[in-house]
């Protein structure tokens, strides 16, 4: 277990030296390169490019890699080498998975890669693949609990996690390319084969959550978004009830009823094998008894990057790491965020939680909101609320689910425009109590920002508390000249929303 640190703003002030790192993932279906900008625990893709080479096509029949796939892969890798050189990326990791692992010409292929690109390839075992995929999930999800599944073109890796502590990984030849090669006796026979294969190694333990890793399963999540007209198109932590996911899998597997044109539009080249992807997902969900499928944008590549971080960095909260990078904090902003935490502490401690399932959730989200409190400072004032909210809703950070993103986005929208109203997105994913609390937090940030000029030094001179039916803003008499008409006005807005009378003392 990683024993991740309790929520705290202190890590964002530590000096970090940003660096670049590239990971090249040579899979059965695709060959992908991601160049990451790494700042502490935050890893943001700077460049993400893939080629659907199809190395594993017909592997089960020939025992060798696809000739056309090898040609496409080598061409892509030569290009990736030139890009890394041009970008100045010196730390490059190249990994190969099931296709290169199983093919008799896999070692020969890796030697060819080194000749054309200079990349020395590490072929992962199935257990290693499961481990690094799981570490990718751990890097993005705070203390995940459940089953992690990474589906590649030829293989499926499964591993259990209990609050970030990993069990033993297992690998199965159940990737869509492998299943396609076995599809001769009909759907029922193929489903029986998948079920038998998954139960042969001791079965799958029951778990509450299934974390889905890999582009094929992300394609199914994208299809679910399309079919449900879901407005926040962010795949990271997109959650689907298991019953809905199984129904969607059945639809994808039904060659007469499935929406082929939509599937092709969403899944691209993966559409041809998506029914086998769906079959594997359906069987895993049924056997594990998972209540929900949680999509992970992180996988093996991110697991490699995370594994290379120092032990202390690994314990940092991924939410704080991500939003601090998003906000591009300087020391003044860090001070203001810390000041907001102190300024609001008494009020927030007195309010009942609106995220009752996990008492830490609300505290983490509020601290993240404080980190983001100055994110719109340089934007045009007429559009600041909308632009800053959209950045927060869709930013490249992890460590929270979609409800958390939407909550932070709502706080940001109201923080820059008091009359910003919760729309369909907020009302569909947040409770009325959470919407109300988001407005409270935003209005308190507005009071603090107006009073302090968004500086910790001035904010320290005041405090705010609830006493009876009053919202009391207190500061010493020698600082009374810091109270402006704008401060009085914003204090009144916060008090009115909370059903209190504003008082300055």
Protein backbone atom coordinates (compact mmCIF):
# COMPACT_ATOMS: atom_id res chain seq x y z
CA UNK A 1 0.00 0.00 0.00
CA UNK A 2 1.26 3.46 -0.87
CA UNK A 3 -0.14 5.14 2.26
CA UNK A 4 -0.85 8.33 0.39
CA UNK A 5 -0.59 11.47 2.50
CA UNK A 6 -3.65 13.14 3.94
CA UNK A 7 -4.90 16.17 2.03
CA UNK A 8 -2.54 19.07 2.51
CA UNK A 9 -1.44 22.07 0.50
CA UNK A 10 2.20 21.83 1.50
CA UNK A 11 3.45 19.61 -1.35
CA UNK A 12 2.54 22.14 -4.04
CA UNK A 13 5.08 24.61 -2.68
CA UNK A 14 8.02 22.21 -2.98
CA UNK A 15 10.47 23.02 -5.74
CA UNK A 16 10.07 20.57 -8.61
CA UNK A 17 12.18 20.41 -11.72
CA UNK A 18 9.88 19.60 -14.67
CA UNK A 19 11.22 16.97 -17.04
CA UNK A 20 10.21 15.13 -20.19
CA UNK A 21 9.91 11.40 -20.57
CA UNK A 22 8.66 9.31 -23.49
CA UNK A 23 7.13 5.84 -23.34
CA UNK A 24 6.67 3.78 -26.51
CA UNK A 25 4.16 0.96 -26.17
CA UNK A 26 4.41 -1.74 -28.88
CA UNK A 27 1.20 -3.70 -28.58
CA UNK A 28 -0.66 -6.33 -30.56
CA UNK A 29 -2.98 -3.75 -32.09
CA UNK A 30 -1.24 -0.40 -31.88
CA UNK A 31 2.20 1.17 -31.58
CA UNK A 32 1.93 4.36 -29.52
CA UNK A 33 4.32 6.99 -28.24
CA UNK A 34 3.43 9.39 -25.44
CA UNK A 35 5.76 12.21 -24.42
CA UNK A 36 5.00 13.34 -20.87
CA UNK A 37 5.73 16.61 -19.13
CA UNK A 38 6.41 15.47 -15.57
CA UNK A 39 6.24 17.86 -12.64
CA UNK A 40 6.37 16.07 -9.31
CA UNK A 41 3.56 13.50 -9.40
CA UNK A 42 1.78 15.24 -12.26
CA UNK A 43 2.31 13.65 -15.69
CA UNK A 44 0.67 15.48 -18.56
CA UNK A 45 0.87 14.11 -22.12
CA UNK A 46 2.63 16.65 -24.29
CA UNK A 47 2.36 14.49 -27.38
CA UNK A 48 0.36 11.33 -28.02
CA UNK A 49 0.60 9.50 -31.33
CA UNK A 50 -0.33 5.98 -32.39
CA UNK A 51 -0.32 3.73 -35.44
CA UNK A 52 -2.78 0.84 -35.64
CA UNK A 53 -0.16 -1.59 -36.95
CA UNK A 54 -1.97 -4.83 -36.08
CA UNK A 55 1.18 -6.78 -35.20
CA UNK A 56 -0.86 -9.57 -33.62
CA UNK A 57 -3.15 -10.20 -36.56
CA UNK A 58 -3.24 -13.95 -37.38
CA UNK A 59 -0.59 -14.59 -34.69
CA UNK A 60 -2.48 -17.56 -33.26
CA UNK A 61 -2.49 -19.22 -36.69
CA UNK A 62 1.02 -18.41 -37.94
CA UNK A 63 2.96 -18.01 -34.74
CA UNK A 64 4.60 -14.95 -36.29
CA UNK A 65 4.00 -11.22 -36.36
CA UNK A 66 2.01 -9.72 -39.22
CA UNK A 67 4.35 -8.78 -42.08
CA UNK A 68 2.43 -5.60 -42.87
CA UNK A 69 2.23 -4.88 -39.14
CA UNK A 70 6.00 -5.12 -38.75
CA UNK A 71 6.50 -2.77 -41.68
CA UNK A 72 4.05 -0.21 -40.25
CA UNK A 73 5.54 -0.48 -36.77
CA UNK A 74 9.14 0.03 -37.93
CA UNK A 75 8.12 3.05 -39.97
CA UNK A 76 6.32 4.55 -36.95
CA UNK A 77 9.25 3.87 -34.62
CA UNK A 78 11.71 5.57 -36.96
CA UNK A 79 9.42 8.59 -36.91
CA UNK A 80 9.14 8.48 -33.10
CA UNK A 81 12.93 8.47 -32.83
CA UNK A 82 13.17 11.62 -34.94
CA UNK A 83 10.47 13.34 -32.88
CA UNK A 84 12.15 12.53 -29.56
CA UNK A 85 15.44 13.87 -30.90
CA UNK A 86 13.77 17.06 -32.12
CA UNK A 87 11.97 17.60 -28.80
CA UNK A 88 15.11 16.96 -26.80
CA UNK A 89 13.64 13.95 -25.02
CA UNK A 90 16.54 11.87 -23.75
CA UNK A 91 14.66 9.51 -21.42
CA UNK A 92 12.78 7.06 -23.68
CA UNK A 93 11.38 3.70 -22.60
CA UNK A 94 10.24 1.25 -25.28
CA UNK A 95 8.15 -1.73 -24.17
CA UNK A 96 6.51 -4.57 -26.08
CA UNK A 97 3.65 -6.73 -24.87
CA UNK A 98 1.76 -9.85 -25.91
CA UNK A 99 2.42 -9.97 -29.66
CA UNK A 100 6.20 -9.62 -29.40
CA UNK A 101 6.16 -11.83 -26.32
CA UNK A 102 4.36 -14.72 -28.03
CA UNK A 103 5.63 -14.52 -31.62
CA UNK A 104 8.56 -16.69 -32.61
CA UNK A 105 10.04 -13.73 -34.47
CA UNK A 106 9.51 -11.34 -31.55
CA UNK A 107 13.24 -11.09 -30.65
CA UNK A 108 14.13 -10.55 -34.31
CA UNK A 109 11.53 -7.75 -34.50
CA UNK A 110 12.99 -6.05 -31.42
CA UNK A 111 16.48 -6.16 -32.97
CA UNK A 112 15.08 -4.50 -36.10
CA UNK A 113 13.52 -1.78 -33.94
CA UNK A 114 16.88 -1.00 -32.36
CA UNK A 115 18.51 -0.79 -35.79
CA UNK A 116 16.00 1.66 -37.29
CA UNK A 117 15.27 3.77 -34.21
CA UNK A 118 17.95 3.24 -31.60
CA UNK A 119 15.33 2.15 -29.05
CA UNK A 120 16.19 -0.91 -26.98
CA UNK A 121 12.92 -2.75 -26.41
CA UNK A 122 11.91 -4.41 -23.16
CA UNK A 123 9.47 -7.29 -23.70
CA UNK A 124 7.14 -7.50 -20.72
CA UNK A 125 5.91 -10.74 -19.25
CA UNK A 126 2.18 -11.03 -18.66
CA UNK A 127 2.68 -10.53 -14.92
CA UNK A 128 4.80 -7.42 -15.53
CA UNK A 129 2.18 -6.05 -17.91
CA UNK A 130 -0.51 -6.51 -15.26
CA UNK A 131 1.67 -4.83 -12.64
CA UNK A 132 2.48 -1.73 -14.70
CA UNK A 133 -1.12 -1.35 -15.90
CA UNK A 134 -2.22 -1.49 -12.27
CA UNK A 135 0.38 1.09 -11.26
CA UNK A 136 -1.04 3.37 -13.95
CA UNK A 137 -4.44 3.13 -12.27
CA UNK A 138 -2.90 3.69 -8.82
CA UNK A 139 -1.17 6.80 -10.16
CA UNK A 140 -4.54 8.26 -11.19
CA UNK A 141 -6.97 6.91 -8.60
CA UNK A 142 -6.44 7.65 -4.93
CA UNK A 143 -6.24 4.27 -3.15
CA UNK A 144 -8.27 2.21 -5.67
CA UNK A 145 -10.14 -0.89 -4.48
CA UNK A 146 -11.19 -3.64 -6.87
CA UNK A 147 -10.05 -5.44 -10.01
CA UNK A 148 -7.86 -3.82 -12.65
CA UNK A 149 -8.07 -5.19 -16.17
CA UNK A 150 -5.81 -4.22 -19.08
CA UNK A 151 -7.03 -5.42 -22.47
CA UNK A 152 -4.56 -5.40 -25.34
CA UNK A 153 -4.92 -6.78 -28.81
CA UNK A 154 -3.90 -10.34 -27.89
CA UNK A 155 -4.06 -10.60 -24.11
CA UNK A 156 -5.98 -9.60 -21.00
CA UNK A 157 -4.16 -8.90 -17.74
CA UNK A 158 -6.03 -8.86 -14.42
CA UNK A 159 -4.80 -7.84 -10.99
CA UNK A 160 -6.56 -6.99 -7.73
CA UNK A 161 -5.82 -3.90 -5.68
CA UNK A 162 -6.74 -3.01 -2.12
CA UNK A 163 -6.22 0.71 -1.55
CA UNK A 164 -3.24 0.70 -3.89
CA UNK A 165 -1.67 -2.55 -2.64
CA UNK A 166 -1.40 -4.92 -5.60
CA UNK A 167 -2.08 -8.63 -5.68
CA UNK A 168 -0.64 -11.17 -8.10
CA UNK A 169 -1.21 -10.41 -11.75
CA UNK A 170 -2.59 -12.96 -14.20
CA UNK A 171 -2.60 -12.99 -17.97
CA UNK A 172 -5.08 -14.59 -20.36
CA UNK A 173 -5.03 -14.91 -24.15
CA UNK A 174 -8.37 -13.14 -24.45
CA UNK A 175 -7.56 -10.02 -26.43
CA UNK A 176 -9.90 -9.19 -29.33
CA UNK A 177 -7.44 -10.41 -31.97
CA UNK A 178 -7.02 -13.73 -30.15
CA UNK A 179 -10.80 -14.15 -29.77
CA UNK A 180 -11.42 -13.24 -33.38
CA UNK A 181 -9.13 -16.08 -34.45
CA UNK A 182 -11.21 -18.52 -32.36
CA UNK A 183 -14.62 -17.33 -33.57
CA UNK A 184 -15.77 -20.41 -35.44
CA UNK A 185 -18.49 -22.06 -33.37
CA UNK A 186 -20.82 -19.11 -32.68
CA UNK A 187 -21.23 -16.51 -29.93
CA UNK A 188 -22.43 -18.90 -27.21
CA UNK A 189 -19.47 -21.22 -27.69
CA UNK A 190 -17.01 -18.30 -27.66
CA UNK A 191 -18.55 -16.87 -24.48
CA UNK A 192 -18.26 -20.28 -22.82
CA UNK A 193 -14.60 -20.40 -23.82
CA UNK A 194 -13.90 -16.97 -22.31
CA UNK A 195 -15.70 -17.89 -19.10
CA UNK A 196 -13.84 -21.19 -18.83
CA UNK A 197 -10.50 -19.48 -19.46
CA UNK A 198 -11.12 -16.86 -16.77
CA UNK A 199 -12.14 -19.45 -14.19
CA UNK A 200 -9.31 -21.89 -14.97
CA UNK A 201 -6.68 -20.06 -12.87
CA UNK A 202 -8.66 -20.13 -9.66
CA UNK A 203 -11.41 -17.80 -10.75
CA UNK A 204 -11.92 -14.10 -10.19
CA UNK A 205 -12.57 -12.85 -6.66
CA UNK A 206 -15.62 -10.69 -6.08
CA UNK A 207 -14.93 -6.95 -6.06
CA UNK A 208 -16.88 -3.66 -5.94
CA UNK A 209 -15.09 -1.88 -8.78
CA UNK A 210 -13.65 -2.88 -12.12
CA UNK A 211 -11.02 -0.48 -13.49
CA UNK A 212 -10.91 -0.81 -17.29
CA UNK A 213 -7.53 -0.09 -18.91
CA UNK A 214 -6.77 0.00 -22.63
CA UNK A 215 -7.97 1.71 -25.78
CA UNK A 216 -10.45 -1.03 -26.67
CA UNK A 217 -12.39 -0.70 -23.44
CA UNK A 218 -12.16 3.09 -23.62
CA UNK A 219 -13.89 2.79 -26.99
CA UNK A 220 -16.81 1.07 -25.25
CA UNK A 221 -16.92 3.84 -22.65
CA UNK A 222 -16.93 6.43 -25.46
CA UNK A 223 -19.82 4.59 -27.12
CA UNK A 224 -21.74 4.68 -23.83
CA UNK A 225 -21.18 8.45 -23.67
CA UNK A 226 -22.51 8.85 -27.21
CA UNK A 227 -25.59 6.71 -26.67
CA UNK A 228 -26.43 8.58 -23.47
CA UNK A 229 -25.55 12.04 -24.85
CA UNK A 230 -23.22 12.54 -21.89
CA UNK A 231 -21.96 16.14 -21.91
CA UNK A 232 -18.56 15.79 -20.19
CA UNK A 233 -16.41 13.88 -22.68
CA UNK A 234 -13.58 13.00 -20.29
CA UNK A 235 -12.80 9.29 -20.21
CA UNK A 236 -10.66 9.34 -17.06
CA UNK A 237 -12.78 8.01 -14.18
CA UNK A 238 -15.92 7.81 -16.35
CA UNK A 239 -18.11 5.38 -14.44
CA UNK A 240 -20.77 3.04 -15.82
CA UNK A 241 -23.02 0.82 -13.66
CA UNK A 242 -22.07 -2.79 -14.37
CA UNK A 243 -25.61 -3.66 -15.45
CA UNK A 244 -25.53 -0.90 -18.09
CA UNK A 245 -22.08 -1.95 -19.28
CA UNK A 246 -23.25 -5.56 -19.73
CA UNK A 247 -26.32 -4.40 -21.66
CA UNK A 248 -24.09 -2.33 -23.94
CA UNK A 249 -21.78 -5.30 -24.45
CA UNK A 250 -24.76 -7.43 -25.49
CA UNK A 251 -25.79 -4.74 -27.98
CA UNK A 252 -22.28 -4.54 -29.47
CA UNK A 253 -22.21 -8.33 -29.82
CA UNK A 254 -25.59 -8.40 -31.58
CA UNK A 255 -24.67 -8.18 -35.26
CA UNK A 256 -28.26 -7.46 -36.28
CA UNK A 257 -29.19 -4.73 -33.79
CA UNK A 258 -25.95 -2.92 -33.02
CA UNK A 259 -25.45 0.63 -34.43
CA UNK A 260 -22.55 -0.17 -36.76
CA UNK A 261 -22.18 3.33 -38.18
CA UNK A 262 -21.96 4.86 -34.70
CA UNK A 263 -19.56 2.17 -33.53
CA UNK A 264 -17.28 2.83 -36.49
CA UNK A 265 -17.45 6.57 -35.87
CA UNK A 266 -16.52 6.19 -32.20
CA UNK A 267 -14.15 3.22 -32.27
CA UNK A 268 -12.40 3.80 -35.61
CA UNK A 269 -10.21 0.84 -36.56
CA UNK A 270 -11.13 -0.91 -33.31
CA UNK A 271 -14.72 -1.26 -34.57
CA UNK A 272 -13.87 -4.44 -36.47
CA UNK A 273 -13.04 -6.30 -33.26
CA UNK A 274 -15.18 -4.39 -30.76
CA UNK A 275 -17.62 -7.28 -30.34
CA UNK A 276 -14.77 -9.41 -28.95
CA UNK A 277 -13.71 -6.56 -26.69
CA UNK A 278 -17.31 -6.41 -25.44
CA UNK A 279 -17.41 -10.16 -24.84
CA UNK A 280 -14.29 -10.05 -22.66
CA UNK A 281 -15.69 -7.11 -20.69
CA UNK A 282 -19.07 -8.77 -20.18
CA UNK A 283 -17.50 -11.97 -18.85
CA UNK A 284 -15.14 -10.13 -16.47
CA UNK A 285 -17.96 -8.00 -15.06
CA UNK A 286 -20.24 -11.00 -14.54
CA UNK A 287 -17.59 -13.19 -12.93
CA UNK A 288 -16.21 -10.45 -10.66
CA UNK A 289 -19.62 -9.24 -9.51
CA UNK A 290 -18.38 -5.66 -9.85
CA UNK A 291 -20.99 -2.97 -9.27
CA UNK A 292 -19.43 -0.50 -11.68
CA UNK A 293 -16.90 -0.14 -14.45
CA UNK A 294 -14.48 2.77 -13.97
CA UNK A 295 -12.61 3.83 -17.08
CA UNK A 296 -8.92 4.56 -16.68
CA UNK A 297 -7.08 6.76 -19.16
CA UNK A 298 -3.90 5.62 -17.42
CA UNK A 299 -2.33 2.24 -18.10
CA UNK A 300 0.99 0.52 -18.66
CA UNK A 301 2.76 3.63 -19.96
CA UNK A 302 1.76 5.79 -17.02
CA UNK A 303 2.59 2.89 -14.70
CA UNK A 304 6.16 2.91 -15.99
CA UNK A 305 6.48 6.64 -15.37
CA UNK A 306 4.94 6.34 -11.92
CA UNK A 307 7.18 3.41 -11.01
CA UNK A 308 10.23 5.58 -11.71
CA UNK A 309 9.20 8.32 -9.28
CA UNK A 310 10.81 8.59 -5.86
CA UNK A 311 8.89 7.03 -2.94
CA UNK A 312 7.85 10.36 -1.40
CA UNK A 313 6.48 11.72 -4.67
CA UNK A 314 4.40 8.56 -5.10
CA UNK A 315 2.60 9.29 -1.83
CA UNK A 316 1.42 12.74 -2.92
CA UNK A 317 -2.24 13.25 -3.73
CA UNK A 318 -2.73 13.02 -7.52
CA UNK A 319 -5.57 15.56 -7.42
CA UNK A 320 -3.40 18.27 -5.86
CA UNK A 321 -0.50 17.43 -8.15
CA UNK A 322 -2.73 17.73 -11.21
CA UNK A 323 -4.66 20.90 -10.39
CA UNK A 324 -1.55 22.74 -9.21
CA UNK A 325 0.04 21.99 -12.59
CA UNK A 326 -3.16 23.07 -14.33
CA UNK A 327 -3.22 26.36 -12.43
CA UNK A 328 0.49 27.00 -13.12
CA UNK A 329 1.00 28.22 -9.58
CA UNK A 330 3.55 30.80 -8.55
CA UNK A 331 4.48 31.54 -4.95
CA UNK A 332 1.81 34.24 -4.59
CA UNK A 333 -0.91 31.86 -5.76
CA UNK A 334 0.37 29.15 -3.44
CA UNK A 335 0.19 31.59 -0.56
CA UNK A 336 -3.34 32.66 -1.48
CA UNK A 337 -4.46 29.02 -1.68
CA UNK A 338 -2.98 28.34 1.75
CA UNK A 339 -4.60 31.49 3.10
CA UNK A 340 -8.01 30.39 1.80
CA UNK A 341 -7.64 27.09 3.60
CA UNK A 342 -7.08 28.89 6.92
CA UNK A 343 -9.66 31.61 6.25
CA UNK A 344 -12.51 29.15 5.61
CA UNK A 345 -11.49 26.45 8.12
CA UNK A 346 -13.88 27.38 10.96
CA UNK A 347 -16.92 27.63 8.70
CA UNK A 348 -16.20 24.42 6.79
CA UNK A 349 -15.59 22.49 9.99
CA UNK A 350 -19.05 23.51 11.22
CA UNK A 351 -20.95 22.52 8.08
CA UNK A 352 -22.28 18.97 7.55
CA UNK A 353 -20.57 16.94 4.83
CA UNK A 354 -22.27 16.82 1.44
CA UNK A 355 -20.07 13.88 0.37
CA UNK A 356 -21.05 11.43 3.13
CA UNK A 357 -19.53 8.31 1.55
CA UNK A 358 -15.97 9.52 2.19
CA UNK A 359 -15.26 12.31 4.70
CA UNK A 360 -11.97 13.11 2.96
CA UNK A 361 -13.60 13.74 -0.43
CA UNK A 362 -15.06 17.12 0.43
CA UNK A 363 -11.91 18.34 2.15
CA UNK A 364 -9.77 17.34 -0.84
CA UNK A 365 -12.12 19.01 -3.32
CA UNK A 366 -12.21 22.25 -1.33
CA UNK A 367 -8.42 22.36 -1.11
CA UNK A 368 -8.28 21.73 -4.85
CA UNK A 369 -10.74 24.61 -5.36
CA UNK A 370 -8.43 26.87 -3.35
CA UNK A 371 -5.48 25.86 -5.55
CA UNK A 372 -7.60 26.77 -8.59
CA UNK A 373 -8.93 30.00 -7.09
CA UNK A 374 -6.76 32.26 -9.25
CA UNK A 375 -6.81 30.22 -12.46
CA UNK A 376 -8.83 32.83 -14.40
CA UNK A 377 -6.80 35.86 -13.36
CA UNK A 378 -5.36 36.67 -16.80
CA UNK A 379 -8.46 35.78 -18.82
CA UNK A 380 -10.82 38.34 -20.34
CA UNK A 381 -13.28 39.38 -17.59
CA UNK A 382 -16.31 39.01 -19.87
CA UNK A 383 -15.53 35.31 -20.47
CA UNK A 384 -13.49 34.43 -17.40
CA UNK A 385 -16.18 32.36 -15.70
CA UNK A 386 -16.96 30.17 -18.70
CA UNK A 387 -13.36 29.68 -19.83
CA UNK A 388 -11.98 28.91 -16.36
CA UNK A 389 -14.83 26.48 -15.67
CA UNK A 390 -14.25 24.63 -18.95
CA UNK A 391 -10.53 24.30 -18.18
CA UNK A 392 -11.31 22.85 -14.77
CA UNK A 393 -13.97 20.49 -16.15
CA UNK A 394 -11.74 19.09 -18.88
CA UNK A 395 -8.22 19.62 -17.56
CA UNK A 396 -5.59 16.84 -17.70
CA UNK A 397 -5.60 15.94 -14.00
CA UNK A 398 -6.63 12.83 -12.08
CA UNK A 399 -7.43 11.91 -8.49
CA UNK A 400 -11.19 12.50 -8.59
CA UNK A 401 -14.28 11.19 -10.32
CA UNK A 402 -16.62 13.07 -12.64
CA UNK A 403 -18.75 14.36 -9.78
CA UNK A 404 -15.60 15.88 -8.29
CA UNK A 405 -14.67 17.53 -11.60
CA UNK A 406 -18.15 18.96 -11.99
CA UNK A 407 -18.14 20.21 -8.39
CA UNK A 408 -14.80 21.98 -8.94
CA UNK A 409 -16.03 23.39 -12.24
CA UNK A 410 -19.15 24.79 -10.57
CA UNK A 411 -17.12 26.42 -7.80
CA UNK A 412 -14.87 27.99 -10.44
CA UNK A 413 -17.81 29.24 -12.51
CA UNK A 414 -19.47 30.94 -9.52
CA UNK A 415 -16.17 32.20 -8.14
CA UNK A 416 -15.82 34.37 -11.28
CA UNK A 417 -19.50 35.12 -11.85
CA UNK A 418 -21.77 35.20 -8.82
CA UNK A 419 -24.92 34.61 -10.88
CA UNK A 420 -23.57 31.53 -12.65
CA UNK A 421 -26.30 28.90 -12.49
CA UNK A 422 -25.95 25.14 -12.21
CA UNK A 423 -27.02 23.61 -15.50
CA UNK A 424 -28.00 20.17 -16.76
CA UNK A 425 -24.50 18.79 -16.19
CA UNK A 426 -24.39 19.84 -12.53
CA UNK A 427 -27.99 18.91 -11.78
CA UNK A 428 -27.52 15.49 -13.35
CA UNK A 429 -24.38 14.53 -11.40
CA UNK A 430 -24.52 16.52 -8.15
CA UNK A 431 -27.05 16.56 -5.34
CA UNK A 432 -28.89 19.74 -4.42
CA UNK A 433 -26.79 19.90 -1.25
CA UNK A 434 -23.55 19.65 -3.22
CA UNK A 435 -24.64 22.42 -5.60
CA UNK A 436 -25.52 24.61 -2.62
CA UNK A 437 -22.16 23.90 -0.95
CA UNK A 438 -20.26 24.69 -4.15
CA UNK A 439 -21.93 28.10 -4.20
CA UNK A 440 -21.03 28.67 -0.55
CA UNK A 441 -17.35 27.89 -1.21
CA UNK A 442 -17.26 30.09 -4.30
CA UNK A 443 -18.85 33.05 -2.52
CA UNK A 444 -16.41 32.75 0.39
CA UNK A 445 -13.52 32.72 -2.10
CA UNK A 446 -14.96 35.88 -3.66
CA UNK A 447 -15.01 37.61 -0.27
CA UNK A 448 -11.41 36.60 0.44
CA UNK A 449 -10.18 37.58 -3.02
CA UNK A 450 -11.81 41.02 -2.89
CA UNK A 451 -10.47 41.77 0.60
CA UNK A 452 -6.92 40.51 0.14
CA UNK A 453 -6.07 41.36 -3.44
CA UNK A 454 -5.55 37.60 -3.74
CA UNK A 455 -2.57 37.68 -1.36
CA UNK A 456 -1.95 35.59 1.74
CA UNK A 457 -0.31 38.48 3.59
CA UNK A 458 -3.48 40.60 3.68
CA UNK A 459 -5.86 37.64 4.04
CA UNK A 460 -4.11 36.67 7.30
CA UNK A 461 -5.37 39.93 8.82
CA UNK A 462 -9.00 38.77 8.76
CA UNK A 463 -11.12 35.82 9.81
CA UNK A 464 -14.66 34.72 9.09
CA UNK A 465 -17.05 32.68 11.21
CA UNK A 466 -20.69 31.83 11.81
CA UNK A 467 -22.12 32.92 15.12
CA UNK A 468 -25.82 32.36 15.66
CA UNK A 469 -27.57 33.85 12.63
CA UNK A 470 -24.61 36.06 11.68
CA UNK A 471 -21.75 35.70 9.22
CA UNK A 472 -19.00 37.65 10.96
CA UNK A 473 -16.00 39.08 9.12
CA UNK A 474 -13.49 40.13 11.77
CA UNK A 475 -10.25 42.10 11.66
CA UNK A 476 -8.30 44.37 13.97
CA UNK A 477 -9.19 48.07 14.08
CA UNK A 478 -5.84 49.08 12.65
CA UNK A 479 -6.75 47.21 9.49
CA UNK A 480 -10.27 48.64 9.09
CA UNK A 481 -9.15 50.71 6.12
CA UNK A 482 -8.84 47.45 4.17
CA UNK A 483 -12.62 47.08 4.15
CA UNK A 484 -13.96 48.38 0.86
CA UNK A 485 -17.42 48.69 -0.62
CA UNK A 486 -16.65 45.61 -2.71
CA UNK A 487 -15.81 43.57 0.40
CA UNK A 488 -19.07 44.60 2.10
CA UNK A 489 -21.00 43.70 -1.04
CA UNK A 490 -19.44 40.27 -1.45
CA UNK A 491 -19.82 39.49 2.24
CA UNK A 492 -23.51 40.31 1.85
CA UNK A 493 -23.82 37.92 -1.10
CA UNK A 494 -22.25 35.06 0.90
CA UNK A 495 -24.38 35.77 3.96
CA UNK A 496 -27.61 35.95 1.92
CA UNK A 497 -26.89 32.61 0.31
CA UNK A 498 -26.23 31.03 3.71
CA UNK A 499 -29.34 32.61 5.26
CA UNK A 500 -27.27 34.77 7.61
CA UNK A 501 -26.81 38.45 8.43
CA UNK A 502 -23.45 39.94 7.40
CA UNK A 503 -21.47 41.64 10.16
CA UNK A 504 -18.04 43.34 10.07
CA UNK A 505 -16.28 43.65 13.40
